[in-house]
N, C-alpha and C. Protein backbone atom coordinates (compact mmCIF):
# COMPACT_ATOMS: atom_id res chain seq x y z
N UNK A 1 -8.22 -7.87 -12.80
CA UNK A 1 -7.55 -6.82 -13.52
C UNK A 1 -7.76 -7.05 -15.01
N UNK A 2 -8.19 -6.04 -15.75
CA UNK A 2 -8.39 -6.19 -17.18
C UNK A 2 -7.04 -6.17 -17.90
N UNK A 3 -7.07 -6.61 -19.16
CA UNK A 3 -5.85 -6.65 -19.95
C UNK A 3 -5.26 -5.26 -20.17
N UNK A 4 -6.08 -4.20 -20.06
CA UNK A 4 -5.60 -2.83 -20.28
C UNK A 4 -4.78 -2.29 -19.11
N UNK A 5 -4.86 -2.94 -17.99
CA UNK A 5 -4.14 -2.47 -16.80
C UNK A 5 -2.78 -3.14 -16.70
N UNK A 6 -1.88 -2.44 -16.03
CA UNK A 6 -0.56 -3.02 -15.77
C UNK A 6 -0.67 -4.21 -14.83
N UNK A 7 0.22 -5.14 -14.99
CA UNK A 7 0.28 -6.25 -14.05
C UNK A 7 0.70 -5.70 -12.70
N UNK A 8 0.16 -6.28 -11.64
CA UNK A 8 0.43 -5.80 -10.29
C UNK A 8 1.93 -5.73 -10.00
N UNK A 9 2.65 -6.78 -10.34
CA UNK A 9 4.08 -6.82 -10.03
C UNK A 9 4.83 -5.66 -10.69
N UNK A 10 4.56 -5.40 -11.95
CA UNK A 10 5.25 -4.32 -12.66
C UNK A 10 4.91 -2.96 -12.06
N UNK A 11 3.63 -2.73 -11.80
CA UNK A 11 3.16 -1.45 -11.25
C UNK A 11 3.76 -1.20 -9.86
N UNK A 12 3.75 -2.21 -9.02
CA UNK A 12 4.27 -2.06 -7.66
C UNK A 12 5.78 -1.86 -7.67
N UNK A 13 6.49 -2.69 -8.44
CA UNK A 13 7.95 -2.56 -8.51
C UNK A 13 8.36 -1.18 -9.04
N UNK A 14 7.64 -0.67 -10.04
CA UNK A 14 7.95 0.64 -10.59
C UNK A 14 7.79 1.74 -9.55
N UNK A 15 6.75 1.65 -8.73
CA UNK A 15 6.52 2.68 -7.72
C UNK A 15 7.47 2.55 -6.53
N UNK A 16 7.86 1.33 -6.19
CA UNK A 16 8.88 1.16 -5.15
C UNK A 16 10.18 1.78 -5.64
N UNK A 17 10.47 1.60 -6.91
CA UNK A 17 11.68 2.21 -7.51
C UNK A 17 11.60 3.74 -7.44
N UNK A 18 10.41 4.29 -7.70
CA UNK A 18 10.23 5.75 -7.60
C UNK A 18 10.53 6.24 -6.19
N UNK A 19 10.09 5.49 -5.18
CA UNK A 19 10.39 5.84 -3.79
C UNK A 19 11.90 5.87 -3.58
N UNK A 20 12.55 4.79 -3.96
CA UNK A 20 13.98 4.68 -3.74
C UNK A 20 14.75 5.75 -4.49
N UNK A 21 14.31 6.07 -5.71
CA UNK A 21 14.95 7.15 -6.47
C UNK A 21 14.78 8.50 -5.79
N UNK A 22 13.67 8.68 -5.06
CA UNK A 22 13.40 9.93 -4.35
C UNK A 22 14.06 9.94 -2.97
N UNK A 23 14.79 8.88 -2.63
CA UNK A 23 15.44 8.81 -1.32
C UNK A 23 14.51 8.43 -0.19
N UNK A 24 13.36 7.86 -0.55
CA UNK A 24 12.38 7.44 0.45
C UNK A 24 12.43 5.92 0.53
N UNK A 25 12.82 5.36 1.67
CA UNK A 25 12.91 3.91 1.78
C UNK A 25 11.55 3.23 1.58
N UNK A 26 11.55 2.21 0.73
CA UNK A 26 10.34 1.42 0.48
C UNK A 26 10.75 -0.03 0.34
N UNK A 27 9.94 -0.91 0.88
CA UNK A 27 10.27 -2.33 0.90
C UNK A 27 9.01 -3.14 0.63
N UNK A 28 9.15 -4.12 -0.25
CA UNK A 28 8.05 -5.06 -0.47
C UNK A 28 8.12 -6.07 0.67
N UNK A 29 7.14 -6.01 1.55
CA UNK A 29 7.09 -6.88 2.72
C UNK A 29 6.52 -8.24 2.34
N UNK A 30 5.59 -8.23 1.40
CA UNK A 30 4.96 -9.48 0.95
C UNK A 30 4.60 -9.36 -0.51
N UNK A 31 4.98 -10.37 -1.27
CA UNK A 31 4.64 -10.45 -2.68
C UNK A 31 3.32 -11.20 -2.82
N UNK A 32 2.41 -10.59 -3.56
CA UNK A 32 1.13 -11.23 -3.82
C UNK A 32 1.09 -11.81 -5.22
N UNK A 33 -0.09 -11.89 -5.78
CA UNK A 33 -0.26 -12.41 -7.13
C UNK A 33 0.37 -11.45 -8.14
N UNK A 34 1.22 -11.99 -9.02
CA UNK A 34 1.94 -11.16 -9.98
C UNK A 34 1.03 -10.45 -10.97
N UNK A 35 -0.09 -11.06 -11.27
CA UNK A 35 -0.98 -10.51 -12.28
C UNK A 35 -1.93 -9.44 -11.73
N UNK A 36 -2.57 -9.72 -10.60
CA UNK A 36 -3.61 -8.80 -10.17
C UNK A 36 -3.85 -8.73 -8.68
N UNK A 37 -2.85 -9.02 -7.88
CA UNK A 37 -3.03 -8.93 -6.44
C UNK A 37 -3.31 -7.50 -5.98
N UNK A 38 -4.07 -7.37 -4.92
CA UNK A 38 -4.37 -6.07 -4.32
C UNK A 38 -3.17 -5.60 -3.51
N UNK A 39 -3.01 -4.28 -3.41
CA UNK A 39 -1.89 -3.69 -2.67
C UNK A 39 -2.37 -3.07 -1.37
N UNK A 40 -1.62 -3.31 -0.32
CA UNK A 40 -1.82 -2.67 0.98
C UNK A 40 -0.54 -1.90 1.28
N UNK A 41 -0.68 -0.62 1.60
CA UNK A 41 0.47 0.23 1.94
C UNK A 41 0.53 0.46 3.44
N UNK A 42 1.72 0.33 3.99
CA UNK A 42 1.98 0.72 5.37
C UNK A 42 2.90 1.94 5.28
N UNK A 43 2.36 3.09 5.64
CA UNK A 43 3.13 4.33 5.61
C UNK A 43 3.66 4.60 7.01
N UNK A 44 4.93 4.30 7.21
CA UNK A 44 5.55 4.46 8.52
C UNK A 44 6.05 5.89 8.65
N UNK A 45 5.41 6.64 9.55
CA UNK A 45 5.76 8.03 9.78
C UNK A 45 6.56 8.17 11.08
N UNK A 46 7.31 7.13 11.37
CA UNK A 46 8.23 7.08 12.51
C UNK A 46 7.51 7.32 13.82
N UNK A 47 7.93 8.27 14.62
CA UNK A 47 7.36 8.47 15.95
C UNK A 47 5.91 8.98 15.90
N UNK A 48 5.45 9.42 14.74
CA UNK A 48 4.06 9.87 14.61
C UNK A 48 3.10 8.69 14.53
N UNK A 49 3.60 7.55 14.06
CA UNK A 49 2.77 6.35 13.90
C UNK A 49 2.73 5.89 12.46
N UNK A 50 1.83 4.96 12.19
CA UNK A 50 1.70 4.38 10.85
C UNK A 50 0.29 4.57 10.33
N UNK A 51 0.20 4.72 9.02
CA UNK A 51 -1.09 4.78 8.34
C UNK A 51 -1.15 3.56 7.42
N UNK A 52 -2.30 2.92 7.36
CA UNK A 52 -2.47 1.74 6.52
C UNK A 52 -3.54 2.04 5.47
N UNK A 53 -3.18 1.84 4.20
CA UNK A 53 -4.07 2.10 3.08
C UNK A 53 -4.22 0.84 2.24
N UNK A 54 -5.44 0.56 1.82
CA UNK A 54 -5.71 -0.58 0.95
C UNK A 54 -6.19 -0.07 -0.40
N UNK A 55 -5.63 -0.65 -1.45
CA UNK A 55 -5.99 -0.29 -2.80
C UNK A 55 -7.48 -0.56 -3.02
N UNK A 56 -8.15 0.39 -3.67
CA UNK A 56 -9.58 0.26 -3.95
C UNK A 56 -9.92 1.08 -5.19
N UNK A 57 -11.14 0.98 -5.62
CA UNK A 57 -11.64 1.78 -6.74
C UNK A 57 -12.94 2.45 -6.31
N UNK A 58 -13.14 3.68 -6.81
CA UNK A 58 -14.39 4.36 -6.49
C UNK A 58 -15.50 3.87 -7.41
N UNK A 59 -16.67 4.42 -7.28
CA UNK A 59 -17.83 3.96 -8.03
C UNK A 59 -17.64 4.11 -9.54
N UNK A 60 -16.78 5.05 -9.95
CA UNK A 60 -16.50 5.26 -11.38
C UNK A 60 -15.32 4.44 -11.88
N UNK A 61 -14.72 3.66 -11.00
CA UNK A 61 -13.60 2.81 -11.38
C UNK A 61 -12.24 3.47 -11.25
N UNK A 62 -12.19 4.69 -10.73
CA UNK A 62 -10.91 5.38 -10.54
C UNK A 62 -10.16 4.80 -9.35
N UNK A 63 -8.83 4.69 -9.49
CA UNK A 63 -8.00 4.14 -8.43
C UNK A 63 -8.04 5.04 -7.20
N UNK A 64 -8.05 4.43 -6.03
CA UNK A 64 -8.05 5.17 -4.78
C UNK A 64 -7.58 4.28 -3.65
N UNK A 65 -7.73 4.78 -2.43
CA UNK A 65 -7.22 4.10 -1.24
C UNK A 65 -8.23 4.18 -0.11
N UNK A 66 -8.47 3.06 0.53
CA UNK A 66 -9.29 3.02 1.74
C UNK A 66 -8.34 3.01 2.93
N UNK A 67 -8.54 3.92 3.85
CA UNK A 67 -7.67 4.03 5.02
C UNK A 67 -8.23 3.20 6.17
N UNK A 68 -7.38 2.36 6.73
CA UNK A 68 -7.74 1.62 7.94
C UNK A 68 -7.73 2.57 9.13
N UNK A 69 -8.38 2.20 10.18
CA UNK A 69 -8.39 2.99 11.43
C UNK A 69 -8.92 4.41 11.21
N UNK A 70 -9.89 4.53 10.30
CA UNK A 70 -10.50 5.84 9.98
C UNK A 70 -9.47 6.88 9.56
N UNK A 71 -8.35 6.42 9.02
CA UNK A 71 -7.32 7.32 8.52
C UNK A 71 -6.39 7.88 9.57
N UNK A 72 -6.56 7.45 10.82
CA UNK A 72 -5.69 7.96 11.88
C UNK A 72 -4.38 7.17 11.93
N UNK A 73 -3.38 7.79 12.48
CA UNK A 73 -2.09 7.13 12.67
C UNK A 73 -2.18 6.24 13.90
N UNK A 74 -1.59 5.04 13.78
CA UNK A 74 -1.61 4.10 14.89
C UNK A 74 -0.19 3.62 15.16
N UNK A 75 0.01 2.98 16.30
CA UNK A 75 1.31 2.42 16.64
C UNK A 75 1.67 1.34 15.62
N UNK A 76 2.96 1.17 15.40
CA UNK A 76 3.42 0.21 14.39
C UNK A 76 2.93 -1.21 14.71
N UNK A 77 2.90 -1.59 15.97
CA UNK A 77 2.43 -2.94 16.32
C UNK A 77 0.97 -3.13 15.93
N UNK A 78 0.17 -2.11 16.11
CA UNK A 78 -1.25 -2.19 15.73
C UNK A 78 -1.40 -2.30 14.22
N UNK A 79 -0.61 -1.52 13.49
CA UNK A 79 -0.62 -1.60 12.02
C UNK A 79 -0.19 -2.98 11.56
N UNK A 80 0.86 -3.52 12.17
CA UNK A 80 1.36 -4.85 11.79
C UNK A 80 0.33 -5.94 12.07
N UNK A 81 -0.41 -5.83 13.16
CA UNK A 81 -1.46 -6.80 13.46
C UNK A 81 -2.57 -6.74 12.42
N UNK A 82 -2.95 -5.54 12.03
CA UNK A 82 -3.97 -5.36 10.99
C UNK A 82 -3.51 -6.01 9.68
N UNK A 83 -2.25 -5.75 9.33
CA UNK A 83 -1.69 -6.29 8.09
C UNK A 83 -1.63 -7.82 8.14
N UNK A 84 -1.26 -8.39 9.27
CA UNK A 84 -1.21 -9.84 9.42
C UNK A 84 -2.60 -10.46 9.20
N UNK A 85 -3.63 -9.82 9.74
CA UNK A 85 -5.00 -10.33 9.53
C UNK A 85 -5.39 -10.24 8.05
N UNK A 86 -5.02 -9.15 7.39
CA UNK A 86 -5.33 -8.98 5.97
C UNK A 86 -4.61 -10.04 5.13
N UNK A 87 -3.36 -10.33 5.45
CA UNK A 87 -2.60 -11.35 4.72
C UNK A 87 -3.21 -12.73 4.92
N UNK A 88 -3.73 -13.01 6.10
CA UNK A 88 -4.35 -14.31 6.36
C UNK A 88 -5.62 -14.48 5.54
N UNK A 89 -6.33 -13.37 5.28
CA UNK A 89 -7.57 -13.43 4.49
C UNK A 89 -7.32 -13.49 3.00
N UNK A 90 -6.24 -12.87 2.51
CA UNK A 90 -6.01 -12.72 1.07
C UNK A 90 -4.62 -13.19 0.69
N UNK A 91 -4.51 -14.39 0.13
CA UNK A 91 -3.18 -14.91 -0.25
C UNK A 91 -2.55 -14.16 -1.42
N UNK A 92 -3.35 -13.37 -2.16
CA UNK A 92 -2.83 -12.63 -3.31
C UNK A 92 -2.39 -11.21 -2.96
N UNK A 93 -2.49 -10.82 -1.69
CA UNK A 93 -2.22 -9.47 -1.24
C UNK A 93 -0.73 -9.12 -1.31
N UNK A 94 -0.44 -7.94 -1.83
CA UNK A 94 0.90 -7.36 -1.79
C UNK A 94 0.93 -6.39 -0.61
N UNK A 95 2.07 -6.31 0.08
CA UNK A 95 2.23 -5.35 1.17
C UNK A 95 3.54 -4.60 0.94
N UNK A 96 3.44 -3.27 0.91
CA UNK A 96 4.61 -2.41 0.74
C UNK A 96 4.68 -1.46 1.92
N UNK A 97 5.86 -1.38 2.53
CA UNK A 97 6.08 -0.42 3.61
C UNK A 97 6.94 0.72 3.08
N UNK A 98 6.48 1.93 3.33
CA UNK A 98 7.19 3.14 2.92
C UNK A 98 7.47 3.96 4.17
N UNK A 99 8.71 4.37 4.34
CA UNK A 99 9.08 5.20 5.49
C UNK A 99 9.16 6.65 5.04
N UNK A 100 8.16 7.42 5.45
CA UNK A 100 8.08 8.83 5.04
C UNK A 100 7.41 9.61 6.16
N UNK A 101 8.12 10.53 6.75
CA UNK A 101 7.59 11.30 7.87
C UNK A 101 6.27 11.98 7.52
N UNK A 102 6.14 12.47 6.28
CA UNK A 102 4.92 13.18 5.90
C UNK A 102 3.86 12.27 5.27
N UNK A 103 4.14 10.97 5.17
CA UNK A 103 3.16 10.03 4.64
C UNK A 103 3.09 9.97 3.12
N UNK A 104 4.10 10.50 2.45
CA UNK A 104 4.12 10.51 0.99
C UNK A 104 4.25 9.09 0.43
N UNK A 105 3.58 8.87 -0.67
CA UNK A 105 3.78 7.64 -1.45
C UNK A 105 3.51 7.97 -2.91
N UNK A 106 4.12 7.22 -3.85
CA UNK A 106 4.02 7.56 -5.27
C UNK A 106 2.80 6.94 -5.98
N UNK A 107 2.03 6.13 -5.30
CA UNK A 107 0.92 5.43 -5.95
C UNK A 107 -0.24 6.39 -6.19
N UNK A 108 -0.80 6.32 -7.41
CA UNK A 108 -1.87 7.23 -7.78
C UNK A 108 -3.15 6.92 -7.02
N UNK A 109 -4.01 7.91 -6.99
CA UNK A 109 -5.31 7.76 -6.35
C UNK A 109 -5.41 8.51 -5.04
N UNK A 110 -6.62 8.97 -4.76
CA UNK A 110 -6.86 9.69 -3.51
C UNK A 110 -7.49 8.76 -2.49
N UNK A 111 -7.51 9.20 -1.26
CA UNK A 111 -8.19 8.42 -0.22
C UNK A 111 -9.69 8.56 -0.44
N UNK A 112 -10.36 7.42 -0.39
CA UNK A 112 -11.81 7.39 -0.62
C UNK A 112 -12.56 7.48 0.69
């Protein structure tokens, strides 16, 4: 992360606060590196399933999200297994779970 970017902890905490202010439950499941850890989102859409997004950048450096499972909704246990494998690979990884039936989240960037 360059000096011009927000620290991961500040950026993530601010967006979790935006969720809570909007009445959308959000929880930091795992704290990663405070300075520049990557973020993984688990969007829990209740009985519809879960979507898992990993923070990424496009070729021009714009913030975006890579969707696991080709962007399809999966059972929560499958999402949790995917997240556990990602945490084992990356000790700096942040994980945030947001409960939103329509899959809304406040983090900028489109799916890549």
